[in-house]
Protein backbone atom coordinates (compact mmCIF):
# COMPACT_ATOMS: atom_id res chain seq x y z
CA MET A 1 -12.86 -1.21 19.74
CA LYS A 2 -13.77 2.38 18.93
CA GLU A 3 -10.22 3.36 17.90
CA LEU A 4 -10.02 0.61 15.28
CA GLN A 5 -13.38 1.63 13.87
CA ILE A 6 -12.17 5.23 13.50
CA ILE A 7 -8.96 4.14 11.78
CA GLN A 8 -10.80 1.78 9.43
CA GLN A 9 -13.24 4.52 8.43
CA LYS A 10 -10.65 7.27 7.92
CA LEU A 11 -7.70 5.34 6.48
CA LYS A 12 -6.89 6.20 2.88
CA ALA A 13 -3.85 4.22 1.76
CA PRO A 14 -3.16 5.06 -1.87
CA LYS A 15 -1.41 2.70 -4.21
CA GLY A 16 1.87 4.58 -4.27
CA GLN A 17 4.06 2.04 -6.07
CA PHE A 18 4.17 1.34 -9.79
CA ASN A 19 5.20 -1.90 -11.49
CA LYS A 20 6.77 -0.67 -14.74
CA PHE A 21 7.00 -4.14 -16.22
CA ALA A 22 3.31 -4.98 -15.80
CA GLY A 23 1.98 -1.41 -15.87
CA TYR A 24 -0.05 -1.21 -12.68
CA TYR A 25 -0.07 0.61 -9.37
CA TYR A 26 -0.05 -1.29 -6.11
CA ARG A 27 -0.07 -0.59 -2.38
CA SER A 28 2.96 -1.61 -0.35
CA CYS A 29 3.33 -2.19 3.37
CA SER A 30 5.15 1.15 3.65
CA ASP A 31 2.27 2.93 1.85
CA ILE A 32 -0.15 1.60 4.47
CA LEU A 33 2.16 2.51 7.37
CA GLU A 34 2.65 6.03 6.04
CA ALA A 35 -1.12 6.53 5.76
CA VAL A 36 -1.98 5.06 9.17
CA LYS A 37 0.60 6.93 11.32
CA PRO A 38 -1.41 10.17 11.62
CA LEU A 39 -4.49 8.16 12.61
CA LEU A 40 -2.52 6.33 15.29
CA GLY A 41 -1.70 9.68 16.85
CA GLU A 42 -5.28 10.86 16.53
CA THR A 43 -6.62 7.74 18.28
CA ASN A 44 -3.73 7.46 20.77
CA CYS A 45 -2.90 3.92 19.62
CA THR A 46 0.32 2.06 18.94
CA LEU A 47 0.87 -0.35 16.06
CA ILE A 48 3.28 -3.23 16.50
CA ILE A 49 4.20 -5.63 13.71
CA ASN A 50 6.08 -8.84 14.41
CA ASP A 51 7.26 -11.69 12.22
CA GLU A 52 7.57 -15.33 13.14
CA ILE A 53 9.20 -18.02 11.03
CA ILE A 54 7.19 -21.22 10.81
CA GLU A 55 8.09 -24.45 9.04
CA VAL A 56 5.29 -26.60 7.69
CA GLY A 57 6.03 -29.72 5.65
CA GLY A 58 9.57 -28.64 4.97
CA ARG A 59 8.49 -25.20 3.65
CA VAL A 60 9.30 -21.96 5.41
CA TYR A 61 6.52 -19.44 6.03
CA ILE A 62 6.66 -15.97 7.50
CA LYS A 63 3.76 -15.24 9.84
CA ALA A 64 3.30 -11.50 10.29
CA THR A 65 1.09 -10.17 13.06
CA ALA A 66 -0.10 -6.57 13.17
CA GLU A 67 -1.34 -5.55 16.62
CA LEU A 68 -3.19 -2.34 17.43
CA LYS A 69 -2.81 -1.30 21.07
CA PRO A 70 -5.01 1.52 22.39
CA SER A 71 -3.85 3.56 25.38
CA GLU A 72 -6.56 1.80 27.41
CA GLY A 73 -8.39 -1.46 26.84
CA GLN A 74 -7.80 -4.58 24.82
CA SER A 75 -5.53 -4.76 21.81
CA VAL A 76 -6.64 -6.36 18.55
CA SER A 77 -4.49 -8.13 15.98
CA ALA A 78 -4.51 -9.77 12.57
CA SER A 79 -2.03 -12.21 11.08
CA ALA A 80 -1.08 -13.23 7.55
CA PHE A 81 1.31 -15.76 6.07
CA ALA A 82 3.67 -15.69 3.12
CA ARG A 83 5.75 -18.60 1.93
CA GLU A 84 9.36 -18.23 0.99
CA PRO A 85 9.97 -19.59 -2.51
CA GLU A 86 12.40 -22.48 -2.72
CA ASN A 87 14.64 -20.34 -4.90
CA LYS A 88 14.42 -16.95 -6.49
CA LYS A 89 16.98 -16.14 -9.13
CA GLY A 90 18.92 -12.97 -8.49
CA GLN A 91 18.11 -12.76 -4.77
CA ASP A 92 20.09 -13.93 -1.79
CA GLU A 93 18.40 -15.64 1.16
CA SER A 94 17.93 -12.44 3.18
CA GLN A 95 16.18 -10.76 0.23
CA ILE A 96 13.87 -13.75 -0.16
CA SER A 97 12.96 -13.62 3.55
CA GLY A 98 12.55 -9.85 3.43
CA ALA A 99 10.19 -10.02 0.45
CA ALA A 100 8.08 -12.69 2.17
CA SER A 101 8.02 -10.61 5.36
CA SER A 102 6.89 -7.46 3.51
CA TYR A 103 4.17 -9.40 1.72
CA ALA A 104 2.89 -11.01 4.93
CA ARG A 105 3.00 -7.69 6.79
CA LYS A 106 1.02 -5.96 4.02
CA TYR A 107 -1.75 -8.53 4.24
CA ALA A 108 -1.77 -8.52 8.05
CA LEU A 109 -2.28 -4.73 7.88
CA ASN A 110 -4.96 -5.20 5.20
CA GLY A 111 -6.80 -7.57 7.52
CA LEU A 112 -6.48 -5.37 10.59
CA PHE A 113 -7.52 -2.15 8.87
CA ALA A 114 -10.12 -3.66 6.47
CA ILE A 115 -8.23 -2.69 3.33
CA ASP A 116 -9.60 -4.47 0.28
CA ASP A 117 -6.98 -5.40 -2.31
CA THR A 118 -9.25 -7.57 -4.43
CA ALA A 119 -9.13 -5.04 -7.27
CA ASP A 120 -5.33 -4.90 -7.00
CA ALA A 121 -3.36 -6.39 -9.86
CA ASP A 122 -1.20 -7.86 -7.09
CA ALA A 123 -4.25 -9.73 -5.80
CA THR A 124 -5.85 -10.63 -9.12
CA ASN A 125 -2.50 -11.37 -10.78
CA ASP A 126 -3.70 -10.02 -14.13
CA HIS A 127 -0.46 -8.02 -14.41
CA GLY A 128 -1.92 -5.12 -16.32
CA LYS A 129 -3.95 -7.17 -18.80
CA ALA A 130 -7.29 -5.99 -17.47
CA ALA A 131 -10.10 -4.64 -19.58
CA PRO A 132 -9.93 -0.98 -20.69
CA ALA A 133 -12.20 0.09 -17.81
CA ALA A 134 -9.44 -0.91 -15.41
CA LYS A 135 -7.13 1.54 -17.19
CA ASP A 136 -9.60 4.32 -16.38
CA ASP A 137 -9.36 3.21 -12.74
CA LEU A 138 -5.59 3.73 -13.00
CA LEU A 139 -6.12 7.29 -14.20
CA ASP A 140 -8.53 7.91 -11.32
CA LYS A 141 -5.94 6.59 -8.86
CA ILE A 142 -3.25 8.82 -10.33
CA ILE A 143 -5.49 11.88 -10.03
CA GLU A 144 -6.47 10.88 -6.48
CA SER A 145 -2.80 10.49 -5.53
CA PHE A 146 -2.15 14.07 -6.68
CA SER A 147 -4.90 15.42 -4.42
CA MET A 148 -3.37 13.73 -1.36
CA GLN A 149 0.05 15.41 -1.58
CA ASP A 150 1.06 18.08 0.94
CA THR A 151 4.18 19.48 -0.74
CA ILE A 152 5.15 20.40 -4.27
CA GLU A 153 8.09 17.99 -4.01
CA ALA A 154 5.78 15.07 -3.18
CA LEU A 155 3.42 16.14 -5.98
CA ASP A 156 6.31 16.26 -8.46
CA ALA A 157 7.38 12.77 -7.38
CA LYS A 158 3.85 11.49 -8.08
CA LEU A 159 3.89 13.19 -11.48
CA ALA A 160 7.21 11.51 -12.30
CA LYS A 161 5.65 8.12 -11.49
CA ALA A 162 2.54 8.98 -13.51
CA LYS A 163 4.72 9.87 -16.51
CA THR A 164 5.72 6.18 -16.71
CA THR A 165 2.12 5.12 -17.34
CA PRO A 166 0.03 5.13 -20.52
CA TYR A 167 -1.50 8.38 -19.21
CA LYS A 168 1.77 10.34 -19.37
CA ASP A 169 0.22 12.92 -21.74
CA ASP A 170 -3.43 12.66 -20.63
CA GLN A 171 -4.92 16.13 -20.29
CA ARG A 172 -7.12 15.16 -17.32
CA MET A 173 -4.04 14.00 -15.42
CA LEU A 174 -2.09 17.14 -16.31
CA ASP A 175 -5.03 19.34 -15.31
CA ALA A 176 -5.26 17.59 -11.92
CA TYR A 177 -1.53 18.08 -11.40
CA ASN A 178 -1.74 21.77 -12.33
CA ARG A 179 -4.71 22.38 -10.00
CA LYS A 180 -2.89 20.81 -7.05
CA ALA A 181 0.38 22.58 -7.89
CA THR A 182 -1.44 25.91 -7.94
CA GLU A 183 -3.08 25.09 -4.61
CA LEU A 184 0.25 24.17 -3.01
CA ASN A 185 2.04 27.22 -4.40
CA THR A 186 -0.58 29.59 -2.96
CA LYS A 187 -0.21 28.23 0.59
């Protein structure tokens, strides 16, 4: 499918969420959806995501399916599963189901659009305890996120998130922010 190939090649879904406790950025389902919407318009495709509840061995799983439908031709889909925990302190049942749904949807979208999360702390579960080189990757991701903003308000929101990281006073980060702010203010 030509449309899927175009989307997979052009899609840039930044890790727009930050886990303050563990100190890492991660990509959410909504980050992926926000990044893919313009490409859906460009390729004249529709994206549909559905959840199905499945019980296996007394455990409840959410099966999320992401389906890409072009205006003409065959659709293509990818599915992913997430298991609801037996109990999660501080969450009611709807929150538990919602979290499992979001997780399954994220990985269904990852599969459909060939997004690799293997370097994600969410995938590796190192929770911010990676080697120092990984911290440099975080700085690179912060700087990249600045370059992708279209408004000064969005840029300021990214700076606010970046200020919660170990790089809050890093000159390279501040320089990248200032360059983009200048660019946006001259438009």
